[in-house]
Amino acid sequence: DNPPKGTIYVPTTPEETKGVLWRIQVGAFTREENALQLVIKLRDIGFEPAYEKTETHVRVVLYGIRPTDLEKVKEALDKNNHRGYVIRQESW
């Protein structure tokens, strides 16, 4: 299963990959269409973002980031003027 050409990293899950995984919240929006615009931009760069809906917000996140991919992901975000993101540890 090869990732599409230009993919920056392939998301993984705690079941597949033991150890620390990271997630980056790239944006949080009250309007879903704004979140969708960000999702499209991130896909153009080479990410597969996920969508998390709460009662008041839609968050756009990059999940399942291995420690070995974290710097590469941050560099790609910075290079494409996505700053102000929030990095959290997803699992241990």
PDB file of N, CA and C in Angstrom:
ATOM      1  N   ASP A   1       0.846  -1.190   0.000  1.00  0.00           N
ATOM      2  CA  ASP A   1       0.000   0.000   0.000  1.00  0.00           C
ATOM      3  C   ASP A   1       0.883   1.241   0.000  1.00  0.00           C
ATOM      4  N   ASN A   2       1.146   1.786  -1.156  1.00  0.00           N
ATOM      5  CA  ASN A   2       2.018   2.952  -1.252  1.00  0.00           C
ATOM      6  C   ASN A   2       1.219   4.233  -1.086  1.00  0.00           C
ATOM      7  N   PRO A   3       1.741   5.172  -0.299  1.00  0.00           N
ATOM      8  CA  PRO A   3       1.044   6.460  -0.178  1.00  0.00           C
ATOM      9  C   PRO A   3       1.103   7.200  -1.506  1.00  0.00           C
ATOM     10  N   PRO A   4       0.131   8.079  -1.756  1.00  0.00           N
ATOM     11  CA  PRO A   4       0.174   8.863  -2.993  1.00  0.00           C
ATOM     12  C   PRO A   4       1.464   9.675  -3.073  1.00  0.00           C
ATOM     13  N   LYS A   5       1.920   9.894  -4.290  1.00  0.00           N
ATOM     14  CA  LYS A   5       3.138  10.680  -4.490  1.00  0.00           C
ATOM     15  C   LYS A   5       2.952  12.064  -3.868  1.00  0.00           C
ATOM     16  N   GLY A   6       3.968  12.528  -3.179  1.00  0.00           N
ATOM     17  CA  GLY A   6       3.884  13.841  -2.569  1.00  0.00           C
ATOM     18  C   GLY A   6       3.349  13.817  -1.145  1.00  0.00           C
ATOM     19  N   THR A   7       3.014  12.629  -0.649  1.00  0.00           N
ATOM     20  CA  THR A   7       2.515  12.529   0.719  1.00  0.00           C
ATOM     21  C   THR A   7       3.652  12.831   1.693  1.00  0.00           C
ATOM     22  N   ILE A   8       3.397  13.691   2.658  1.00  0.00           N
ATOM     23  CA  ILE A   8       4.442  14.103   3.588  1.00  0.00           C
ATOM     24  C   ILE A   8       4.688  13.048   4.656  1.00  0.00           C
ATOM     25  N   TYR A   9       3.612  12.430   5.133  1.00  0.00           N
ATOM     26  CA  TYR A   9       3.762  11.304   6.053  1.00  0.00           C
ATOM     27  C   TYR A   9       2.490  10.474   5.978  1.00  0.00           C
ATOM     28  N   VAL A  10       2.574   9.250   6.434  1.00  0.00           N
ATOM     29  CA  VAL A  10       1.411   8.374   6.438  1.00  0.00           C
ATOM     30  C   VAL A  10       0.937   8.238   7.885  1.00  0.00           C
ATOM     31  N   PRO A  11      -0.288   8.668   8.174  1.00  0.00           N
ATOM     32  CA  PRO A  11      -0.782   8.567   9.545  1.00  0.00           C
ATOM     33  C   PRO A  11      -0.791   7.117  10.034  1.00  0.00           C
ATOM     34  N   THR A  12      -0.554   6.946  11.304  1.00  0.00           N
ATOM     35  CA  THR A  12      -0.578   5.619  11.887  1.00  0.00           C
ATOM     36  C   THR A  12      -1.466   5.645  13.124  1.00  0.00           C
ATOM     37  N   THR A  13      -1.657   4.490  13.733  1.00  0.00           N
ATOM     38  CA  THR A  13      -2.491   4.402  14.933  1.00  0.00           C
ATOM     39  C   THR A  13      -1.691   3.744  16.047  1.00  0.00           C
ATOM     40  N   PRO A  14      -2.115   3.921  17.297  1.00  0.00           N
ATOM     41  CA  PRO A  14      -1.415   3.275  18.414  1.00  0.00           C
ATOM     42  C   PRO A  14      -1.384   1.755  18.265  1.00  0.00           C
ATOM     43  N   GLU A  15      -2.396   1.184  17.611  1.00  0.00           N
ATOM     44  CA  GLU A  15      -2.405  -0.263  17.406  1.00  0.00           C
ATOM     45  C   GLU A  15      -1.290  -0.679  16.450  1.00  0.00           C
ATOM     46  N   GLU A  16      -1.019   0.162  15.454  1.00  0.00           N
ATOM     47  CA  GLU A  16      -0.013  -0.175  14.441  1.00  0.00           C
ATOM     48  C   GLU A  16       1.403   0.169  14.885  1.00  0.00           C
ATOM     49  N   THR A  17       1.540   1.239  15.659  1.00  0.00           N
ATOM     50  CA  THR A  17       2.864   1.761  15.987  1.00  0.00           C
ATOM     51  C   THR A  17       2.963   1.984  17.489  1.00  0.00           C
ATOM     52  N   LYS A  18       3.836   1.242  18.123  1.00  0.00           N
ATOM     53  CA  LYS A  18       4.023   1.414  19.570  1.00  0.00           C
ATOM     54  C   LYS A  18       4.893   2.638  19.832  1.00  0.00           C
ATOM     55  N   GLY A  19       4.712   3.227  21.006  1.00  0.00           N
ATOM     56  CA  GLY A  19       5.532   4.381  21.363  1.00  0.00           C
ATOM     57  C   GLY A  19       4.749   5.666  21.240  1.00  0.00           C
ATOM     58  N   VAL A  20       5.465   6.763  21.163  1.00  0.00           N
ATOM     59  CA  VAL A  20       4.856   8.083  21.157  1.00  0.00           C
ATOM     60  C   VAL A  20       4.319   8.400  19.759  1.00  0.00           C
ATOM     61  N   LEU A  21       3.105   8.895  19.718  1.00  0.00           N
ATOM     62  CA  LEU A  21       2.562   9.458  18.488  1.00  0.00           C
ATOM     63  C   LEU A  21       2.127  10.883  18.787  1.00  0.00           C
ATOM     64  N   TRP A  22       2.195  11.718  17.762  1.00  0.00           N
ATOM     65  CA  TRP A  22       1.848  13.123  17.914  1.00  0.00           C
ATOM     66  C   TRP A  22       0.664  13.467  17.031  1.00  0.00           C
ATOM     67  N   ARG A  23      -0.041  14.533  17.417  1.00  0.00           N
ATOM     68  CA  ARG A  23      -1.092  15.095  16.571  1.00  0.00           C
ATOM     69  C   ARG A  23      -0.905  16.602  16.561  1.00  0.00           C
ATOM     70  N   ILE A  24      -1.225  17.213  15.451  1.00  0.00           N
ATOM     71  CA  ILE A  24      -1.110  18.664  15.322  1.00  0.00           C
ATOM     72  C   ILE A  24      -2.473  19.214  14.927  1.00  0.00           C
ATOM     73  N   GLN A  25      -2.980  20.121  15.759  1.00  0.00           N
ATOM     74  CA  GLN A  25      -4.200  20.830  15.386  1.00  0.00           C
ATOM     75  C   GLN A  25      -3.777  22.035  14.568  1.00  0.00           C
ATOM     76  N   VAL A  26      -4.175  22.045  13.303  1.00  0.00           N
ATOM     77  CA  VAL A  26      -3.763  23.115  12.401  1.00  0.00           C
ATOM     78  C   VAL A  26      -4.741  24.279  12.465  1.00  0.00           C
ATOM     79  N   GLY A  27      -6.001  23.980  12.772  1.00  0.00           N
ATOM     80  CA  GLY A  27      -6.971  25.055  12.862  1.00  0.00           C
ATOM     81  C   GLY A  27      -8.229  24.606  13.573  1.00  0.00           C
ATOM     82  N   ALA A  28      -8.965  25.568  14.129  1.00  0.00           N
ATOM     83  CA  ALA A  28     -10.269  25.312  14.737  1.00  0.00           C
ATOM     84  C   ALA A  28     -11.212  26.411  14.252  1.00  0.00           C
ATOM     85  N   PHE A  29     -12.365  26.005  13.788  1.00  0.00           N
ATOM     86  CA  PHE A  29     -13.275  26.942  13.145  1.00  0.00           C
ATOM     87  C   PHE A  29     -14.684  26.787  13.689  1.00  0.00           C
ATOM     88  N   THR A  30     -15.424  27.899  13.708  1.00  0.00           N
ATOM     89  CA  THR A  30     -16.834  27.800  14.057  1.00  0.00           C
ATOM     90  C   THR A  30     -17.644  27.460  12.812  1.00  0.00           C
ATOM     91  N   ARG A  31     -17.143  27.802  11.636  1.00  0.00           N
ATOM     92  CA  ARG A  31     -17.859  27.512  10.388  1.00  0.00           C
ATOM     93  C   ARG A  31     -17.184  26.357   9.657  1.00  0.00           C
ATOM     94  N   GLU A  32     -17.999  25.365   9.349  1.00  0.00           N
ATOM     95  CA  GLU A  32     -17.463  24.157   8.723  1.00  0.00           C
ATOM     96  C   GLU A  32     -16.819  24.436   7.368  1.00  0.00           C
ATOM     97  N   GLU A  33     -17.357  25.398   6.608  1.00  0.00           N
ATOM     98  CA  GLU A  33     -16.775  25.663   5.282  1.00  0.00           C
ATOM     99  C   GLU A  33     -15.348  26.201   5.392  1.00  0.00           C
ATOM    100  N   ASN A  34     -15.053  26.934   6.469  1.00  0.00           N
ATOM    101  CA  ASN A  34     -13.674  27.408   6.672  1.00  0.00           C
ATOM    102  C   ASN A  34     -12.739  26.233   6.960  1.00  0.00           C
ATOM    103  N   ALA A  35     -13.231  25.276   7.742  1.00  0.00           N
ATOM    104  CA  ALA A  35     -12.439  24.079   8.016  1.00  0.00           C
ATOM    105  C   ALA A  35     -12.190  23.309   6.722  1.00  0.00           C
ATOM    106  N   LEU A  36     -13.210  23.212   5.885  1.00  0.00           N
ATOM    107  CA  LEU A  36     -13.072  22.498   4.612  1.00  0.00           C
ATOM    108  C   LEU A  36     -12.027  23.136   3.715  1.00  0.00           C
ATOM    109  N   GLN A  37     -12.000  24.469   3.692  1.00  0.00           N
ATOM    110  CA  GLN A  37     -10.987  25.167   2.883  1.00  0.00           C
ATOM    111  C   GLN A  37      -9.585  24.806   3.354  1.00  0.00           C
ATOM    112  N   LEU A  38      -9.403  24.714   4.665  1.00  0.00           N
ATOM    113  CA  LEU A  38      -8.096  24.342   5.197  1.00  0.00           C
ATOM    114  C   LEU A  38      -7.755  22.900   4.847  1.00  0.00           C
ATOM    115  N   VAL A  39      -8.742  22.012   4.941  1.00  0.00           N
ATOM    116  CA  VAL A  39      -8.527  20.612   4.580  1.00  0.00           C
ATOM    117  C   VAL A  39      -8.037  20.516   3.128  1.00  0.00           C
ATOM    118  N   ILE A  40      -8.670  21.264   2.231  1.00  0.00           N
ATOM    119  CA  ILE A  40      -8.277  21.242   0.815  1.00  0.00           C
ATOM    120  C   ILE A  40      -6.848  21.739   0.644  1.00  0.00           C
ATOM    121  N   LYS A  41      -6.502  22.836   1.323  1.00  0.00           N
ATOM    122  CA  LYS A  41      -5.128  23.361   1.246  1.00  0.00           C
ATOM    123  C   LYS A  41      -4.123  22.337   1.753  1.00  0.00           C
ATOM    124  N   LEU A  42      -4.441  21.688   2.866  1.00  0.00           N
ATOM    125  CA  LEU A  42      -3.522  20.701   3.442  1.00  0.00           C
ATOM    126  C   LEU A  42      -3.373  19.493   2.521  1.00  0.00           C
ATOM    127  N   ARG A  43      -4.455  19.084   1.882  1.00  0.00           N
ATOM    128  CA  ARG A  43      -4.361  17.961   0.926  1.00  0.00           C
ATOM    129  C   ARG A  43      -3.476  18.331  -0.248  1.00  0.00           C
ATOM    130  N   ASP A  44      -3.577  19.585  -0.708  1.00  0.00           N
ATOM    131  CA  ASP A  44      -2.736  20.041  -1.819  1.00  0.00           C
ATOM    132  C   ASP A  44      -1.254  19.967  -1.469  1.00  0.00           C
ATOM    133  N   ILE A  45      -0.934  20.207  -0.197  1.00  0.00           N
ATOM    134  CA  ILE A  45       0.462  20.145   0.253  1.00  0.00           C
ATOM    135  C   ILE A  45       0.946  18.699   0.324  1.00  0.00           C
ATOM    136  N   GLY A  46       0.041  17.765   0.629  1.00  0.00           N
ATOM    137  CA  GLY A  46       0.425  16.359   0.748  1.00  0.00           C
ATOM    138  C   GLY A  46       0.051  15.727   2.077  1.00  0.00           C
ATOM    139  N   PHE A  47      -0.890  16.342   2.791  1.00  0.00           N
ATOM    140  CA  PHE A  47      -1.358  15.789   4.060  1.00  0.00           C
ATOM    141  C   PHE A  47      -2.706  15.098   3.875  1.00  0.00           C
ATOM    142  N   GLU A  48      -3.041  14.246   4.813  1.00  0.00           N
ATOM    143  CA  GLU A  48      -4.386  13.667   4.899  1.00  0.00           C
ATOM    144  C   GLU A  48      -4.988  14.109   6.233  1.00  0.00           C
ATOM    145  N   PRO A  49      -5.508  15.325   6.310  1.00  0.00           N
ATOM    146  CA  PRO A  49      -6.006  15.827   7.586  1.00  0.00           C
ATOM    147  C   PRO A  49      -7.298  15.131   8.003  1.00  0.00           C
ATOM    148  N   ALA A  50      -7.551  15.169   9.295  1.00  0.00           N
ATOM    149  CA  ALA A  50      -8.804  14.655   9.834  1.00  0.00           C
ATOM    150  C   ALA A  50      -9.599  15.823  10.378  1.00  0.00           C
ATOM    151  N   TYR A  51     -10.832  15.588  10.607  1.00  0.00           N
ATOM    152  CA  TYR A  51     -11.832  16.542  10.979  1.00  0.00           C
ATOM    153  C   TYR A  51     -12.368  16.139  12.322  1.00  0.00           C
ATOM    154  N   GLU A  52     -12.410  16.979  13.282  1.00  0.00           N
ATOM    155  CA  GLU A  52     -13.026  16.650  14.570  1.00  0.00           C
ATOM    156  C   GLU A  52     -14.103  17.680  14.856  1.00  0.00           C
ATOM    157  N   LYS A  53     -15.333  17.231  14.959  1.00  0.00           N
ATOM    158  CA  LYS A  53     -16.439  18.162  15.214  1.00  0.00           C
ATOM    159  C   LYS A  53     -16.834  18.121  16.682  1.00  0.00           C
ATOM    160  N   THR A  54     -16.978  19.298  17.264  1.00  0.00           N
ATOM    161  CA  THR A  54     -17.561  19.414  18.602  1.00  0.00           C
ATOM    162  C   THR A  54     -18.865  20.188  18.421  1.00  0.00           C
ATOM    163  N   GLU A  55     -19.530  20.489  19.514  1.00  0.00           N
ATOM    164  CA  GLU A  55     -20.779  21.235  19.382  1.00  0.00           C
ATOM    165  C   GLU A  55     -20.551  22.632  18.830  1.00  0.00           C
ATOM    166  N   THR A  56     -19.389  23.205  19.122  1.00  0.00           N
ATOM    167  CA  THR A  56     -19.165  24.599  18.729  1.00  0.00           C
ATOM    168  C   THR A  56     -18.090  24.791  17.667  1.00  0.00           C
ATOM    169  N   HIS A  57     -17.219  23.800  17.469  1.00  0.00           N
ATOM    170  CA  HIS A  57     -16.093  23.988  16.559  1.00  0.00           C
ATOM    171  C   HIS A  57     -15.857  22.779  15.666  1.00  0.00           C
ATOM    172  N   VAL A  58     -15.160  23.056  14.576  1.00  0.00           N
ATOM    173  CA  VAL A  58     -14.620  21.984  13.745  1.00  0.00           C
ATOM    174  C   VAL A  58     -13.108  22.160  13.775  1.00  0.00           C
ATOM    175  N   ARG A  59     -12.423  21.130  14.238  1.00  0.00           N
ATOM    176  CA  ARG A  59     -10.962  21.174  14.279  1.00  0.00           C
ATOM    177  C   ARG A  59     -10.402  20.411  13.097  1.00  0.00           C
ATOM    178  N   VAL A  60      -9.325  20.950  12.544  1.00  0.00           N
ATOM    179  CA  VAL A  60      -8.613  20.252  11.479  1.00  0.00           C
ATOM    180  C   VAL A  60      -7.296  19.772  12.083  1.00  0.00           C
ATOM    181  N   VAL A  61      -7.090  18.459  12.076  1.00  0.00           N
ATOM    182  CA  VAL A  61      -5.908  17.891  12.732  1.00  0.00           C
ATOM    183  C   VAL A  61      -5.150  16.959  11.808  1.00  0.00           C
ATOM    184  N   LEU A  62      -3.861  16.904  12.059  1.00  0.00           N
ATOM    185  CA  LEU A  62      -2.993  15.887  11.471  1.00  0.00           C
ATOM    186  C   LEU A  62      -2.717  14.922  12.608  1.00  0.00           C
ATOM    187  N   TYR A  63      -3.045  13.668  12.426  1.00  0.00           N
ATOM    188  CA  TYR A  63      -2.966  12.712  13.530  1.00  0.00           C
ATOM    189  C   TYR A  63      -1.966  11.608  13.199  1.00  0.00           C
ATOM    190  N   GLY A  64      -1.655  10.820  14.214  1.00  0.00           N
ATOM    191  CA  GLY A  64      -0.842   9.630  14.001  1.00  0.00           C
ATOM    192  C   GLY A  64       0.536   9.924  13.444  1.00  0.00           C
ATOM    193  N   ILE A  65       1.156  10.989  13.955  1.00  0.00           N
ATOM    194  CA  ILE A  65       2.480  11.381  13.454  1.00  0.00           C
ATOM    195  C   ILE A  65       3.547  10.682  14.291  1.00  0.00           C
ATOM    196  N   ARG A  66       4.377   9.900  13.628  1.00  0.00           N
ATOM    197  CA  ARG A  66       5.489   9.250  14.324  1.00  0.00           C
ATOM    198  C   ARG A  66       6.539  10.295  14.692  1.00  0.00           C
ATOM    199  N   PRO A  67       7.284  10.051  15.785  1.00  0.00           N
ATOM    200  CA  PRO A  67       8.335  11.004  16.167  1.00  0.00           C
ATOM    201  C   PRO A  67       9.322  11.266  15.030  1.00  0.00           C
ATOM    202  N   THR A  68       9.587  10.246  14.210  1.00  0.00           N
ATOM    203  CA  THR A  68      10.539  10.410  13.109  1.00  0.00           C
ATOM    204  C   THR A  68       9.988  11.317  12.008  1.00  0.00           C
ATOM    205  N   ASP A  69       8.662  11.509  11.977  1.00  0.00           N
ATOM    206  CA  ASP A  69       8.048  12.357  10.949  1.00  0.00           C
ATOM    207  C   ASP A  69       7.725  13.766  11.448  1.00  0.00           C
ATOM    208  N   LEU A  70       7.826  13.985  12.764  1.00  0.00           N
ATOM    209  CA  LEU A  70       7.340  15.242  13.341  1.00  0.00           C
ATOM    210  C   LEU A  70       8.032  16.472  12.751  1.00  0.00           C
ATOM    211  N   GLU A  71       9.364  16.452  12.656  1.00  0.00           N
ATOM    212  CA  GLU A  71      10.083  17.619  12.118  1.00  0.00           C
ATOM    213  C   GLU A  71       9.702  17.881  10.668  1.00  0.00           C
ATOM    214  N   LYS A  72       9.585  16.810   9.885  1.00  0.00           N
ATOM    215  CA  LYS A  72       9.221  16.935   8.472  1.00  0.00           C
ATOM    216  C   LYS A  72       7.834  17.573   8.335  1.00  0.00           C
ATOM    217  N   VAL A  73       6.909  17.173   9.202  1.00  0.00           N
ATOM    218  CA  VAL A  73       5.550  17.720   9.182  1.00  0.00           C
ATOM    219  C   VAL A  73       5.574  19.201   9.552  1.00  0.00           C
ATOM    220  N   LYS A  74       6.312  19.543  10.623  1.00  0.00           N
ATOM    221  CA  LYS A  74       6.404  20.946  11.042  1.00  0.00           C
ATOM    222  C   LYS A  74       7.039  21.808   9.953  1.00  0.00           C
ATOM    223  N   GLU A  75       8.093  21.297   9.308  1.00  0.00           N
ATOM    224  CA  GLU A  75       8.749  22.055   8.229  1.00  0.00           C
ATOM    225  C   GLU A  75       7.783  22.310   7.079  1.00  0.00           C
ATOM    226  N   ALA A  76       7.014  21.300   6.716  1.00  0.00           N
ATOM    227  CA  ALA A  76       6.062  21.467   5.609  1.00  0.00           C
ATOM    228  C   ALA A  76       4.988  22.488   5.981  1.00  0.00           C
ATOM    229  N   LEU A  77       4.518  22.468   7.218  1.00  0.00           N
ATOM    230  CA  LEU A  77       3.524  23.455   7.656  1.00  0.00           C
ATOM    231  C   LEU A  77       4.121  24.860   7.621  1.00  0.00           C
ATOM    232  N   ASP A  78       5.325  25.014   8.174  1.00  0.00           N
ATOM    233  CA  ASP A  78       5.980  26.334   8.203  1.00  0.00           C
ATOM    234  C   ASP A  78       6.213  26.857   6.788  1.00  0.00           C
ATOM    235  N   LYS A  79       6.695  25.978   5.924  1.00  0.00           N
ATOM    236  CA  LYS A  79       7.013  26.369   4.546  1.00  0.00           C
ATOM    237  C   LYS A  79       5.767  26.857   3.813  1.00  0.00           C
ATOM    238  N   ASN A  80       4.604  26.335   4.207  1.00  0.00           N
ATOM    239  CA  ASN A  80       3.346  26.715   3.572  1.00  0.00           C
ATOM    240  C   ASN A  80       2.554  27.723   4.399  1.00  0.00           C
ATOM    241  N   ASN A  81       3.270  28.430   5.284  1.00  0.00           N
ATOM    242  CA  ASN A  81       2.687  29.509   6.090  1.00  0.00           C
ATOM    243  C   ASN A  81       1.562  29.065   7.017  1.00  0.00           C
ATOM    244  N   HIS A  82       1.618  27.826   7.475  1.00  0.00           N
ATOM    245  CA  HIS A  82       0.674  27.374   8.501  1.00  0.00           C
ATOM    246  C   HIS A  82       1.419  27.426   9.821  1.00  0.00           C
ATOM    247  N   ARG A  83       1.156  28.487  10.575  1.00  0.00           N
ATOM    248  CA  ARG A  83       1.809  28.648  11.867  1.00  0.00           C
ATOM    249  C   ARG A  83       0.739  28.746  12.937  1.00  0.00           C
ATOM    250  N   GLY A  84       1.134  28.715  14.174  1.00  0.00           N
ATOM    251  CA  GLY A  84       0.146  28.812  15.236  1.00  0.00           C
ATOM    252  C   GLY A  84      -0.594  27.505  15.462  1.00  0.00           C
ATOM    253  N   TYR A  85      -0.016  26.422  14.990  1.00  0.00           N
ATOM    254  CA  TYR A  85      -0.642  25.120  15.224  1.00  0.00           C
ATOM    255  C   TYR A  85      -0.330  24.631  16.630  1.00  0.00           C
ATOM    256  N   VAL A  86      -1.088  23.656  17.079  1.00  0.00           N
ATOM    257  CA  VAL A  86      -0.938  23.116  18.427  1.00  0.00           C
ATOM    258  C   VAL A  86      -0.499  21.658  18.314  1.00  0.00           C
ATOM    259  N   ILE A  87       0.644  21.341  18.939  1.00  0.00           N
ATOM    260  CA  ILE A  87       1.161  19.968  18.901  1.00  0.00           C
ATOM    261  C   ILE A  87       0.834  19.296  20.224  1.00  0.00           C
ATOM    262  N   ARG A  88       0.258  18.113  20.145  1.00  0.00           N
ATOM    263  CA  ARG A  88      -0.052  17.345  21.361  1.00  0.00           C
ATOM    264  C   ARG A  88       0.425  15.936  21.195  1.00  0.00           C
ATOM    265  N   GLN A  89       0.778  15.345  22.318  1.00  0.00           N
ATOM    266  CA  GLN A  89       1.114  13.932  22.294  1.00  0.00           C
ATOM    267  C   GLN A  89      -0.199  13.148  22.233  1.00  0.00           C
ATOM    268  N   GLU A  90      -0.280  12.225  21.301  1.00  0.00           N
ATOM    269  CA  GLU A  90      -1.511  11.479  21.100  1.00  0.00           C
ATOM    270  C   GLU A  90      -1.541  10.227  21.956  1.00  0.00           C
ATOM    271  N   SER A  91      -0.424   9.523  22.007  1.00  0.00           N
ATOM    272  CA  SER A  91      -0.386   8.276  22.784  1.00  0.00           C
ATOM    273  C   SER A  91       1.033   7.977  23.196  1.00  0.00           C
ATOM    274  N   TRP A  92       1.176   7.000  24.035  1.00  0.00           N
ATOM    275  CA  TRP A  92       2.500   6.606  24.511  1.00  0.00           C
ATOM    276  C   TRP A  92       2.647   5.130  24.320  1.00  0.00           C
TER     277      TRP A  92
END
